[in-house]
Protein backbone atom coordinates (compact mmCIF):
# COMPACT_ATOMS: atom_id res chain seq x y z
CA MET A 1 -64.43 58.24 -152.27
CA PHE A 2 -60.74 58.80 -152.88
CA ARG A 3 -58.53 55.89 -153.86
CA LEU A 4 -55.32 55.09 -152.07
CA PHE A 5 -52.26 55.65 -154.18
CA PHE A 6 -51.69 51.93 -154.49
CA LEU A 7 -55.35 50.96 -154.52
CA THR A 8 -54.74 47.76 -156.42
CA ILE A 9 -52.44 46.40 -153.71
CA ALA A 10 -54.49 44.47 -151.18
CA LEU A 11 -52.58 43.83 -148.01
CA THR A 12 -54.72 40.86 -147.02
CA ILE A 13 -54.12 38.72 -150.11
CA SER A 14 -51.11 36.64 -151.03
CA LEU A 15 -48.15 38.73 -152.06
CA PRO A 16 -46.51 38.15 -155.44
CA ILE A 17 -43.28 36.23 -155.76
CA HIS A 18 -40.54 38.30 -157.40
CA SER A 19 -37.31 37.07 -158.87
CA ILE A 20 -34.17 37.07 -156.79
CA ARG A 21 -32.51 40.50 -156.88
CA SER A 22 -28.94 41.57 -156.31
CA GLU A 23 -27.53 42.60 -152.94
CA ASP A 24 -28.14 46.28 -153.74
CA TYR A 25 -31.40 45.56 -155.49
CA LEU A 26 -32.77 49.09 -155.17
CA PHE A 27 -29.69 50.43 -156.96
CA GLN A 28 -30.49 48.06 -159.80
CA LEU A 29 -34.21 48.85 -159.71
CA GLN A 30 -33.48 52.58 -160.05
CA THR A 31 -30.89 52.04 -162.78
CA ASP A 32 -33.24 49.84 -164.80
CA ALA A 33 -36.09 52.33 -164.42
CA VAL A 34 -34.04 55.21 -165.80
CA GLU A 35 -32.56 53.19 -168.64
CA ALA A 36 -35.93 51.74 -169.68
CA GLY A 37 -37.90 54.94 -169.07
CA LYS A 38 -40.53 53.02 -167.12
CA SER A 39 -40.75 50.69 -164.15
CA PRO A 40 -43.25 48.35 -162.48
CA VAL A 41 -42.34 49.92 -159.12
CA GLY A 42 -43.94 53.26 -159.99
CA HIS A 43 -43.40 56.58 -161.73
CA TRP A 44 -42.67 60.27 -161.12
CA GLY A 45 -45.77 62.04 -162.35
CA TRP A 46 -49.14 60.87 -163.53
CA GLU A 47 -48.22 58.67 -166.52
CA GLN A 48 -47.77 55.02 -165.58
CA ASP A 49 -45.44 54.23 -168.48
CA ASN A 50 -43.19 57.26 -168.00
CA TYR A 51 -40.84 56.87 -165.04
CA MET A 52 -39.57 60.44 -165.26
CA LYS A 53 -42.59 62.45 -166.41
CA TRP A 54 -42.31 65.02 -163.61
CA GLY A 55 -39.19 66.30 -161.85
CA THR A 56 -40.33 68.98 -159.44
CA HIS A 57 -42.79 69.84 -156.68
CA SER A 58 -46.50 69.19 -156.29
CA ASN A 59 -49.45 70.51 -154.29
CA ARG A 60 -49.90 67.35 -152.22
CA LEU A 61 -50.96 67.57 -148.59
CA ILE A 62 -47.97 67.03 -146.31
CA PRO A 63 -47.70 64.96 -143.09
CA VAL A 64 -46.81 66.61 -139.78
CA TYR A 65 -45.54 64.89 -136.62
CA THR A 66 -45.36 66.84 -133.37
CA PHE A 67 -43.68 65.92 -130.08
CA GLY A 68 -44.00 67.65 -126.71
CA THR A 69 -46.49 68.55 -124.03
CA CYS A 70 -49.95 68.97 -125.51
CA LYS A 71 -53.03 70.54 -124.01
CA ALA A 72 -55.95 71.48 -126.21
CA GLY A 73 -56.44 75.22 -126.37
CA ASP A 74 -52.82 76.23 -125.71
CA GLY A 75 -51.91 76.51 -129.39
CA ILE A 76 -49.27 73.77 -129.13
CA ASP A 77 -51.74 70.92 -129.50
CA LEU A 78 -52.49 69.82 -133.08
CA THR A 79 -56.18 69.53 -132.27
CA ASP A 80 -56.22 73.33 -132.09
CA TYR A 81 -55.83 73.34 -135.89
CA GLN A 82 -57.46 70.08 -137.01
CA ASN A 83 -60.97 68.93 -137.86
CA GLU A 84 -63.54 71.42 -136.53
CA ASN A 85 -60.68 73.83 -135.76
CA SER A 86 -59.26 73.68 -139.27
CA PRO A 87 -58.80 77.18 -140.73
CA TYR A 88 -60.05 75.75 -144.03
CA ARG A 89 -63.57 75.37 -142.64
CA ASN A 90 -63.88 79.12 -142.23
CA THR A 91 -64.05 81.64 -145.08
CA ALA A 92 -62.55 84.43 -142.99
CA SER A 93 -59.61 82.24 -141.97
CA VAL A 94 -58.94 81.22 -145.57
CA ARG A 95 -59.02 84.89 -146.60
CA GLN A 96 -56.55 85.71 -143.84
CA ILE A 97 -54.17 82.98 -144.99
CA PHE A 98 -54.22 83.73 -148.73
CA HIS A 99 -55.28 87.40 -148.65
CA ARG A 100 -58.28 86.32 -150.73
CA VAL A 101 -60.57 83.28 -150.94
CA PRO A 102 -59.16 80.90 -153.59
CA PRO A 103 -61.81 78.95 -155.52
CA GLY A 104 -62.73 75.60 -153.98
CA THR A 105 -60.49 76.14 -150.94
CA VAL A 106 -63.09 76.56 -148.18
CA ASN A 107 -64.01 73.04 -147.07
CA ASN A 108 -66.52 72.45 -144.29
CA GLU A 109 -65.18 68.92 -143.81
CA ALA A 110 -61.47 69.75 -143.75
CA GLU A 111 -59.42 67.70 -141.30
CA TYR A 112 -56.16 69.34 -142.38
CA PHE A 113 -54.60 72.65 -141.38
CA ASP A 114 -52.25 75.11 -143.07
CA GLN A 115 -48.49 75.37 -143.27
CA THR A 116 -48.65 78.72 -141.49
CA ASN A 117 -49.96 76.84 -138.44
CA ILE A 118 -46.49 75.34 -138.02
CA TYR A 119 -45.40 78.85 -137.09
CA ASP A 120 -48.39 79.19 -134.77
CA ILE A 121 -47.36 76.07 -132.87
CA GLN A 122 -43.82 77.37 -132.43
CA LEU A 123 -45.07 80.78 -131.36
CA ALA A 124 -47.36 79.20 -128.78
CA ALA A 125 -44.44 77.12 -127.50
CA LEU A 126 -42.31 80.26 -127.20
CA ARG A 127 -45.04 82.13 -125.35
CA ASP A 128 -45.56 79.15 -123.07
CA GLY A 129 -41.89 79.22 -122.15
CA LYS A 130 -40.91 75.92 -123.72
CA LYS A 131 -37.16 75.68 -123.34
CA HIS A 132 -36.34 73.91 -126.60
CA ILE A 133 -38.18 74.44 -129.87
CA ILE A 134 -37.00 72.26 -132.73
CA LEU A 135 -38.23 72.30 -136.33
CA VAL A 136 -37.07 69.37 -138.47
CA VAL A 137 -37.75 69.82 -142.18
CA PHE A 138 -37.36 66.90 -144.57
CA ASP A 139 -37.26 69.01 -147.72
CA GLY A 140 -39.56 67.51 -150.35
CA MET A 141 -40.77 64.55 -148.26
CA ASP A 142 -44.43 63.83 -148.86
CA TRP A 143 -46.37 60.88 -147.43
CA GLN A 144 -45.43 58.71 -150.39
CA THR A 145 -41.71 59.35 -149.89
CA THR A 146 -42.06 58.41 -146.23
CA PHE A 147 -43.95 55.25 -147.13
CA ASN A 148 -41.23 54.21 -149.56
CA ALA A 149 -38.54 54.58 -146.90
CA SER A 150 -40.56 52.75 -144.25
CA THR A 151 -41.34 49.85 -146.56
CA TYR A 152 -37.72 49.48 -147.59
CA LYS A 153 -36.33 49.80 -144.06
CA ASN A 154 -38.75 47.28 -142.58
CA GLN A 155 -38.85 44.96 -145.58
CA GLN A 156 -42.60 44.79 -145.34
CA VAL A 157 -45.68 46.88 -146.03
CA LYS A 158 -46.79 47.98 -142.57
CA TYR A 159 -49.63 50.40 -143.37
CA ASP A 160 -51.64 51.93 -146.20
CA SER A 161 -52.72 55.24 -144.67
CA GLY A 162 -52.29 57.46 -141.63
CA ARG A 163 -49.25 58.16 -139.47
CA GLY A 164 -47.37 55.07 -140.56
CA SER A 165 -44.76 53.07 -138.68
CA GLY A 166 -41.27 51.71 -139.01
CA LEU A 167 -39.30 54.97 -139.07
CA HIS A 168 -38.15 56.50 -135.80
CA PHE A 169 -40.19 59.68 -136.14
CA GLN A 170 -43.28 57.58 -136.94
CA ASP A 171 -42.91 55.23 -133.99
CA TYR A 172 -41.48 57.51 -131.31
CA GLN A 173 -44.19 58.71 -128.92
CA ALA A 174 -42.32 61.23 -126.73
CA GLN A 175 -43.89 59.95 -123.52
CA GLY A 176 -47.35 59.93 -125.08
CA THR A 177 -47.19 63.49 -126.43
CA SER A 178 -46.71 62.81 -130.14
CA GLN A 179 -49.47 63.74 -132.57
CA PHE A 180 -50.04 63.43 -136.32
CA GLY A 181 -51.78 65.57 -138.91
CA TRP A 182 -51.41 67.00 -142.40
CA MET A 183 -51.31 70.42 -143.99
CA VAL A 184 -51.75 72.50 -147.12
CA THR A 185 -48.48 73.93 -148.51
CA SER A 186 -49.74 76.01 -151.44
CA PRO A 187 -48.18 79.52 -151.53
CA TYR A 188 -49.65 82.96 -152.05
CA SER A 189 -48.46 82.77 -155.66
CA ASP A 190 -45.68 81.55 -157.88
CA ASN A 191 -42.74 83.82 -158.72
CA GLY A 192 -43.03 87.57 -158.58
CA LYS A 193 -40.85 89.94 -160.58
CA VAL A 194 -37.89 90.83 -158.38
CA ASN A 195 -34.88 93.12 -158.47
CA VAL A 196 -32.14 91.70 -156.26
CA ASP A 197 -30.00 94.83 -156.36
CA HIS A 198 -32.83 97.08 -155.17
CA GLN A 199 -34.63 94.39 -153.14
CA THR A 200 -37.98 95.12 -154.77
CA VAL A 201 -40.76 92.82 -155.89
CA SER A 202 -43.74 93.31 -158.18
CA MET A 203 -46.81 91.16 -158.78
CA GLU A 204 -47.56 92.88 -162.11
CA ASN A 205 -46.73 89.78 -164.14
CA ASN A 206 -49.97 88.17 -162.90
CA PRO A 207 -48.48 85.14 -161.18
CA LYS A 208 -50.53 81.99 -160.72
CA LEU A 209 -52.16 82.00 -157.28
CA GLY A 210 -52.30 79.35 -154.58
CA GLY A 211 -55.07 77.43 -152.86
CA TYR A 212 -56.19 73.84 -152.28
CA THR A 213 -59.33 72.03 -153.39
CA ALA A 214 -59.78 68.76 -151.52
CA ALA A 215 -62.60 67.73 -153.85
CA ILE A 216 -59.92 67.40 -156.56
CA GLY A 217 -56.59 66.99 -154.76
CA GLY A 218 -57.97 64.70 -152.08
CA PRO A 219 -58.57 65.15 -148.34
CA TYR A 220 -55.56 63.09 -147.25
CA PRO A 221 -51.85 62.99 -148.08
CA TRP A 222 -52.32 59.44 -149.42
CA SER A 223 -55.24 60.35 -151.70
CA ILE A 224 -55.09 60.20 -155.47
CA PRO A 225 -56.53 63.36 -157.06
CA THR A 226 -59.56 63.11 -159.30
CA GLU A 227 -57.67 65.24 -161.82
CA LEU A 228 -54.09 64.03 -161.89
CA GLU A 229 -52.59 67.28 -163.16
CA TYR A 230 -54.27 69.37 -160.48
CA LEU A 231 -51.27 68.78 -158.23
CA ILE A 232 -49.04 70.67 -160.69
CA GLY A 233 -51.38 73.62 -161.13
CA LYS A 234 -53.46 72.51 -164.10
CA GLY A 235 -57.07 71.44 -164.56
CA THR A 236 -60.57 72.65 -163.76
CA ILE A 237 -59.19 74.74 -160.90
CA GLU A 238 -55.58 75.92 -161.08
CA HIS A 239 -53.71 76.31 -157.80
CA THR A 240 -49.95 76.71 -157.98
CA TYR A 241 -47.57 74.56 -155.98
CA THR A 242 -44.92 75.97 -153.67
CA ASP A 243 -41.15 76.09 -153.76
CA SER A 244 -38.97 75.63 -150.68
CA ALA A 245 -38.45 79.35 -150.09
CA SER A 246 -42.12 80.24 -149.87
CA SER A 247 -43.03 77.15 -147.86
CA ALA A 248 -40.19 77.56 -145.36
CA THR A 249 -41.17 81.22 -144.98
CA SER A 250 -44.70 80.10 -144.12
CA MET A 251 -43.40 77.79 -141.41
CA THR A 252 -41.02 80.32 -139.86
CA THR A 253 -43.17 83.48 -140.13
CA GLY A 254 -46.79 82.36 -140.40
CA GLU A 255 -47.20 84.24 -143.68
CA LYS A 256 -47.92 83.11 -147.24
CA THR A 257 -45.74 84.63 -149.93
CA TYR A 258 -44.58 84.17 -153.52
CA ASP A 259 -42.27 81.39 -154.63
CA ALA A 260 -38.56 82.26 -154.26
CA ALA A 261 -39.14 84.77 -151.43
CA ILE A 262 -37.05 84.49 -148.28
CA ASN A 263 -39.14 86.06 -145.50
CA ILE A 264 -40.34 88.83 -147.83
CA GLY A 265 -44.03 89.40 -148.52
CA PRO A 266 -45.60 89.69 -151.98
CA PHE A 267 -45.56 93.47 -151.57
CA GLY A 268 -41.94 93.73 -150.45
CA ASN A 269 -42.33 93.84 -146.66
CA GLN A 270 -39.89 91.95 -144.42
CA PHE A 271 -41.36 89.31 -142.11
CA THR A 272 -40.18 88.57 -138.57
CA THR A 273 -39.32 84.91 -138.09
CA ILE A 274 -39.88 82.73 -135.05
CA ALA A 275 -36.08 82.64 -134.65
CA HIS A 276 -35.97 86.46 -134.46
CA LEU A 277 -38.62 86.42 -131.75
CA ALA A 278 -36.88 83.67 -129.82
CA GLN A 279 -33.57 85.51 -130.04
CA LYS A 280 -35.16 88.56 -128.45
CA LYS A 281 -36.10 86.30 -125.54
CA ASN A 282 -32.45 85.23 -125.21
CA TYR A 283 -32.86 81.87 -126.89
CA LYS A 284 -29.83 80.55 -128.75
CA ILE A 285 -30.53 80.05 -132.47
CA GLY A 286 -29.24 77.15 -134.57
CA VAL A 287 -29.55 76.19 -138.22
CA VAL A 288 -28.32 72.84 -139.58
CA THR A 289 -28.64 71.53 -143.14
CA SER A 290 -27.26 68.76 -145.36
CA VAL A 291 -27.25 71.13 -148.35
CA PRO A 292 -25.75 74.63 -148.86
CA ILE A 293 -25.95 76.89 -145.81
CA SER A 294 -27.99 79.58 -147.57
CA HIS A 295 -30.32 77.44 -149.65
CA ALA A 296 -33.99 78.26 -149.31
CA THR A 297 -34.98 76.36 -146.17
CA PRO A 298 -32.04 77.22 -143.89
CA ALA A 299 -32.05 80.81 -145.18
CA ALA A 300 -35.74 81.15 -144.32
CA ALA A 301 -34.96 80.39 -140.69
CA TYR A 302 -33.47 83.85 -140.33
CA ALA A 303 -32.54 85.84 -143.45
CA HIS A 304 -34.37 88.33 -145.71
CA ASN A 305 -34.20 88.59 -149.49
CA VAL A 306 -36.55 89.02 -152.41
CA SER A 307 -34.79 86.08 -154.09
CA ARG A 308 -33.68 82.72 -152.76
CA ASN A 309 -30.85 82.79 -155.32
CA ASP A 310 -28.92 85.63 -153.65
CA TYR A 311 -26.88 83.13 -151.68
CA GLN A 312 -23.95 85.27 -150.51
CA ASP A 313 -26.25 87.92 -149.08
CA LEU A 314 -28.41 85.30 -147.39
CA THR A 315 -25.31 83.88 -145.75
CA ARG A 316 -24.40 87.36 -144.54
CA ASP A 317 -27.75 87.62 -142.76
CA LEU A 318 -27.26 84.22 -141.15
CA LEU A 319 -23.80 85.25 -139.92
CA GLY A 320 -24.88 88.70 -138.75
CA LEU A 321 -22.96 90.62 -141.43
CA THR A 322 -24.02 93.65 -143.49
CA SER A 323 -26.11 92.48 -146.47
CA ILE A 324 -28.15 93.83 -149.36
CA SER A 325 -31.31 93.57 -147.25
CA HIS A 326 -29.70 94.93 -144.07
CA PRO A 327 -27.08 97.41 -145.35
CA ASN A 328 -26.88 99.60 -142.25
CA ASN A 329 -28.08 97.54 -139.31
CA PRO A 330 -27.20 93.88 -139.84
CA LEU A 331 -29.11 91.13 -138.12
CA SER A 332 -27.54 89.65 -135.00
CA GLY A 333 -26.81 86.34 -136.72
CA VAL A 334 -27.49 82.81 -135.57
CA ASP A 335 -25.48 81.13 -132.82
CA VAL A 336 -24.84 77.92 -134.73
CA LEU A 337 -24.74 77.49 -138.50
CA ILE A 338 -23.63 74.11 -139.88
CA GLY A 339 -24.10 73.10 -143.47
CA CYS A 340 -22.55 72.76 -146.87
CA GLY A 341 -21.37 74.68 -149.90
CA PHE A 342 -17.65 74.20 -149.33
CA GLY A 343 -15.63 74.13 -152.56
CA GLU A 344 -18.45 75.43 -154.76
CA ASP A 345 -16.61 78.16 -156.65
CA ARG A 346 -17.94 80.14 -159.60
CA ASN A 347 -16.85 83.21 -161.56
CA GLN A 348 -20.31 84.63 -162.18
CA ASP A 349 -23.85 84.23 -160.91
CA ALA A 350 -26.57 86.41 -162.42
CA GLY A 351 -29.03 85.48 -159.69
CA GLN A 352 -26.93 87.18 -157.02
CA GLY A 353 -26.93 90.70 -158.43
CA GLU A 354 -24.22 93.27 -158.89
CA ASN A 355 -22.54 92.67 -155.53
CA PHE A 356 -21.74 89.03 -156.32
CA VAL A 357 -18.11 88.23 -155.48
CA PRO A 358 -16.39 85.57 -157.63
CA GLY A 359 -15.26 82.61 -155.59
CA ASN A 360 -17.40 80.43 -153.37
CA GLY A 361 -21.00 80.95 -154.40
CA TYR A 362 -22.33 80.80 -150.84
CA LEU A 363 -19.60 82.40 -148.75
CA THR A 364 -17.05 85.01 -149.80
CA THR A 365 -13.52 84.92 -148.43
CA GLU A 366 -14.03 88.36 -146.93
CA ASP A 367 -17.20 87.29 -145.12
CA LEU A 368 -15.51 84.17 -143.80
CA LEU A 369 -12.72 86.27 -142.35
CA LYS A 370 -15.21 88.69 -140.79
CA ALA A 371 -17.02 85.80 -139.12
CA ASP A 372 -13.90 83.96 -137.92
CA SER A 373 -13.12 84.49 -134.23
CA ARG A 374 -9.40 84.41 -135.02
CA MET A 375 -9.94 87.61 -137.00
CA GLY A 376 -12.14 89.26 -134.41
CA GLY A 377 -15.42 87.66 -135.50
CA LYS A 378 -18.02 85.82 -133.45
CA TYR A 379 -17.65 82.28 -134.82
CA LEU A 380 -15.36 79.36 -134.15
CA VAL A 381 -15.04 78.11 -137.73
CA ALA A 382 -14.77 74.46 -138.76
CA GLN A 383 -14.17 73.96 -142.48
CA ARG A 384 -13.66 70.76 -144.39
CA SER A 385 -9.91 70.14 -144.26
CA GLU A 386 -7.74 67.81 -146.28
CA GLY A 387 -6.88 64.61 -144.45
CA VAL A 388 -8.87 65.52 -141.33
CA SER A 389 -11.89 63.58 -140.08
CA GLY A 390 -14.91 65.83 -140.52
CA LYS A 391 -16.66 64.27 -137.54
CA THR A 392 -13.68 64.85 -135.27
CA LEU A 393 -13.05 68.33 -136.63
CA LEU A 394 -16.61 69.37 -135.88
CA GLU A 395 -16.58 67.82 -132.42
CA VAL A 396 -13.38 69.66 -131.48
CA ALA A 397 -14.68 72.93 -132.92
CA ALA A 398 -17.92 72.58 -130.97
CA GLN A 399 -16.05 72.03 -127.73
CA ASP A 400 -13.75 74.96 -128.48
CA ALA A 401 -16.79 77.14 -129.15
CA ILE A 402 -18.19 76.14 -125.77
CA ASP A 403 -14.90 76.68 -123.96
CA GLN A 404 -14.28 80.05 -125.62
CA GLN A 405 -17.93 81.12 -125.45
CA LYS A 406 -18.05 81.58 -129.20
CA ARG A 407 -20.61 80.81 -131.83
CA LEU A 408 -20.07 77.83 -134.16
CA PHE A 409 -19.91 77.85 -137.96
CA GLY A 410 -19.36 74.55 -139.78
CA PHE A 411 -18.78 74.52 -143.54
CA PHE A 412 -18.55 71.20 -145.37
CA GLY A 413 -19.68 69.41 -148.50
CA VAL A 414 -18.74 67.75 -151.78
CA ASP A 415 -19.11 68.75 -155.40
CA LYS A 416 -22.48 70.51 -155.96
CA GLY A 417 -22.51 71.73 -152.38
CA HIS A 418 -24.14 69.03 -150.28
CA LEU A 419 -23.17 66.16 -148.01
CA PRO A 420 -22.49 62.83 -149.76
CA PHE A 421 -25.79 61.21 -150.70
CA GLN A 422 -26.52 58.16 -148.58
CA THR A 423 -28.39 55.56 -150.61
CA ALA A 424 -31.08 53.23 -149.33
CA ASN A 425 -28.75 50.46 -148.18
CA GLY A 426 -26.63 52.91 -146.19
CA ASP A 427 -23.64 53.17 -148.49
CA PHE A 428 -22.63 56.14 -150.62
CA ASN A 429 -22.83 54.74 -154.12
CA PRO A 430 -25.63 56.61 -155.93
CA THR A 431 -26.95 55.44 -159.26
CA ILE A 432 -28.35 57.48 -162.12
CA GLY A 433 -31.49 59.59 -161.95
CA ARG A 434 -33.19 62.17 -164.13
CA SER A 435 -29.82 63.82 -164.83
CA LYS A 436 -28.53 60.48 -166.21
CA LYS A 437 -25.39 61.08 -164.15
CA ALA A 438 -24.47 59.35 -160.92
CA GLU A 439 -22.44 61.15 -158.28
CA ASN A 440 -19.16 59.57 -157.23
CA TYR A 441 -17.42 60.16 -153.92
CA THR A 442 -13.80 59.69 -152.98
CA ASP A 443 -12.63 58.24 -149.71
CA ALA A 444 -11.72 61.79 -148.74
CA ASP A 445 -15.26 63.00 -149.43
CA LEU A 446 -16.61 60.50 -146.93
CA PHE A 447 -13.83 60.92 -144.35
CA GLU A 448 -13.65 64.71 -144.37
CA ASN A 449 -17.41 65.29 -144.03
CA PRO A 450 -19.54 64.68 -140.95
CA THR A 451 -23.09 63.39 -141.34
CA LEU A 452 -26.34 65.25 -140.74
CA SER A 453 -26.56 63.39 -137.41
CA ASP A 454 -23.11 64.73 -136.50
CA PHE A 455 -24.21 68.24 -137.47
CA THR A 456 -27.29 67.93 -135.28
CA ALA A 457 -25.47 66.52 -132.25
CA GLN A 458 -22.83 69.25 -132.19
CA ALA A 459 -25.35 72.00 -132.81
CA ILE A 460 -27.31 70.89 -129.76
CA ASN A 461 -24.12 70.61 -127.68
CA VAL A 462 -23.25 74.24 -128.36
CA LEU A 463 -26.78 75.62 -128.15
CA SER A 464 -27.62 73.89 -124.88
CA HIS A 465 -24.41 74.83 -123.09
CA ASN A 466 -25.04 76.44 -119.68
CA ASP A 467 -28.59 75.12 -119.86
CA ALA A 468 -29.57 77.80 -122.37
CA PRO A 469 -32.95 77.73 -124.12
CA PHE A 470 -32.71 77.32 -127.87
CA TRP A 471 -34.55 77.22 -131.20
CA LEU A 472 -33.11 74.85 -133.79
CA MET A 473 -33.89 74.05 -137.41
CA VAL A 474 -32.59 70.79 -138.86
CA GLU A 475 -33.02 70.30 -142.60
CA ALA A 476 -32.64 66.99 -144.41
CA GLY A 477 -32.32 68.82 -147.71
CA ASP A 478 -31.06 65.87 -149.73
CA VAL A 479 -34.56 64.34 -149.85
CA ASP A 480 -35.59 67.13 -152.18
CA TRP A 481 -32.46 66.81 -154.32
CA ALA A 482 -33.11 63.07 -154.72
CA ASN A 483 -36.76 63.54 -155.64
CA HIS A 484 -35.92 66.26 -158.16
CA ASP A 485 -33.56 63.73 -159.74
CA ASN A 486 -36.31 61.07 -159.83
CA ASN A 487 -33.93 58.91 -157.82
CA LEU A 488 -35.77 56.43 -155.62
CA ASP A 489 -32.57 54.96 -154.17
CA ASN A 490 -31.22 58.34 -153.07
CA SER A 491 -34.65 59.42 -151.83
CA ILE A 492 -35.01 56.50 -149.45
CA GLY A 493 -31.43 56.91 -148.28
CA ALA A 494 -32.01 60.60 -147.57
CA VAL A 495 -35.11 59.88 -145.48
CA LEU A 496 -33.22 57.29 -143.44
CA SER A 497 -30.33 59.71 -142.94
CA GLY A 498 -32.74 62.41 -141.75
CA ASP A 499 -34.52 59.92 -139.50
CA ALA A 500 -31.20 59.17 -137.81
CA ALA A 501 -30.80 62.90 -137.12
CA VAL A 502 -34.25 62.98 -135.52
CA LYS A 503 -33.17 60.16 -133.23
CA VAL A 504 -30.17 62.27 -132.18
CA VAL A 505 -32.66 64.91 -131.03
CA THR A 506 -34.95 62.53 -129.17
CA ASP A 507 -32.02 60.78 -127.49
CA TRP A 508 -30.71 64.14 -126.31
CA VAL A 509 -34.08 65.20 -124.94
CA GLU A 510 -34.43 61.96 -123.01
CA ALA A 511 -30.93 62.24 -121.57
CA ASN A 512 -30.76 65.97 -120.90
CA SER A 513 -34.26 67.47 -120.84
CA SER A 514 -37.86 66.32 -121.05
CA TRP A 515 -40.90 66.55 -123.29
CA ASP A 516 -42.48 68.85 -120.72
CA GLU A 517 -40.05 71.59 -121.77
CA THR A 518 -39.40 70.61 -125.41
CA VAL A 519 -41.50 70.90 -128.54
CA MET A 520 -40.35 69.30 -131.80
CA ILE A 521 -42.09 69.38 -135.17
CA VAL A 522 -41.07 66.94 -137.91
CA THR A 523 -42.50 67.68 -141.33
CA ALA A 524 -41.71 68.64 -144.92
CA ASP A 525 -42.03 71.87 -146.83
CA HIS A 526 -43.74 70.37 -149.88
CA GLY A 527 -44.19 67.18 -151.84
CA HIS A 528 -43.12 65.80 -155.18
CA TYR A 529 -45.09 63.42 -157.42
CA PHE A 530 -43.90 59.84 -157.08
CA VAL A 531 -46.68 57.27 -157.51
CA LEU A 532 -45.87 53.82 -156.14
CA GLU A 533 -47.53 51.01 -158.08
CA ASP A 534 -46.03 47.94 -156.41
CA PRO A 535 -44.64 48.37 -152.89
CA GLN A 536 -43.42 44.75 -152.88
CA LEU A 537 -40.67 45.76 -155.28
CA LEU A 538 -39.16 47.80 -152.44
CA ILE A 539 -38.67 44.57 -150.50
CA LYS A 540 -35.68 42.35 -151.16
CA SER A 541 -36.74 39.06 -152.68
CA THR A 542 -35.11 35.72 -151.95
CA GLU A 543 -36.39 32.23 -152.58
CA GLU A 544 -37.08 31.77 -148.88
CA GLY A 545 -38.54 35.26 -148.48
CA ALA A 546 -40.73 34.87 -151.54
CA LYS A 547 -42.06 31.59 -150.20
CA THR A 548 -42.79 33.18 -146.83
CA ASN A 549 -44.56 36.13 -148.42
CA SER A 550 -46.75 33.89 -150.53
CA GLU A 551 -47.98 31.84 -147.59
């Protein structure tokens, strides 16, 4: 029997009374945790007295929420991949997924499915003629991260397992079509040996291989493993955990690969993504992210590269320009690309190979000019501009793109290449995390940048013009950045920001389409390793509230 991650918290007993906390109590909770090195609220990793033991990904099972018309047997319904239909109950299916049978991975009682099934659902939707296919990826958001955000937002513990409630994507039912499940995210292997300049990869360095053993890791996303270090690839059975490149590739191509690969297989072959297939059927293609435009997840929507770090070339693929992976016949490019990376200049970058151009690390000046419609390119470009409202700038650019029948490219961000981090209480005043440094934003940073919700709204406006079918990826990438930084305040804020973007999508579908012709998947690419010990510490305490809670 697997314990819940906060087993000692009984929801039916009286709740403890905590001292009165400041107005931004989560800011203070996070600050105190970092300064003390431990916290009663929980810890990142498996050591209770070490708040920042672990700062990267884990092999946790990941929640999946689907929305849209469902009919068992059509490939769009989650029941086609769950329980008795789980690929993990069948040795042949496991071999097909991993190209071998990882030890302990076949499970005759598996209720979960695989990350590659996210691609299968999208492919089935495309074949069925669904008009709008939308993949929302909360980078790094496991069940525990979602629980934290829900508890904080609702100021109460509303559940201890399952789908959960309190966030929009948890509660929204899409006219009775929403379903819930969970999936394995483990990759084919960890990093291969790559040559960016020649676009080659080798597995000769014997990388650690993927797989998932529910008997150790647990059968549910809310389980605690029987061996705590199993989730980071150590223990009786060693299964490596994924990075965002490999996991996003799985969701957009249906193929497992090595960590750091962008739609490239472990033997160097290029994969076709669901966006490529949709584009061939005359769907418009959109990619939106709160982090740099060619980071792993948005790049995996469309680009090819043996390394996720070759940012300028990945951007070229997204914009339909000649790249290291498509030197003679460039890809067509996406119809809408909105994200960040603006102002991130560097003189050198070893990860980008010999063709790296000093300047912006994600977008060269030459490539920007090639893309710009004013210079004969395909894109109406909206860049962060001094003294100009980012929200208004993007809205005007989107309308101009519609009027001029152009594509849309939005390029924004602050220092380090992302949108300003929204914290849990909705402001933009982050505190310290693992880095021991808090980000600070100027008034201009907030005024000159749209939000992820703004990105999403304008992307849909352009993509849906003239009633066109479209495929859209929306990435709330700042969840991952917050969790890497062991920053609970930023993490909750990032989930709430992403949840607001999901509501933009559902509001648009209700006003302009229907769930008969739309399929949306809301999920994450992988988890981290936060363990919550006392959920009540995520709830603001007052004398009156404490008295109420204790009754």
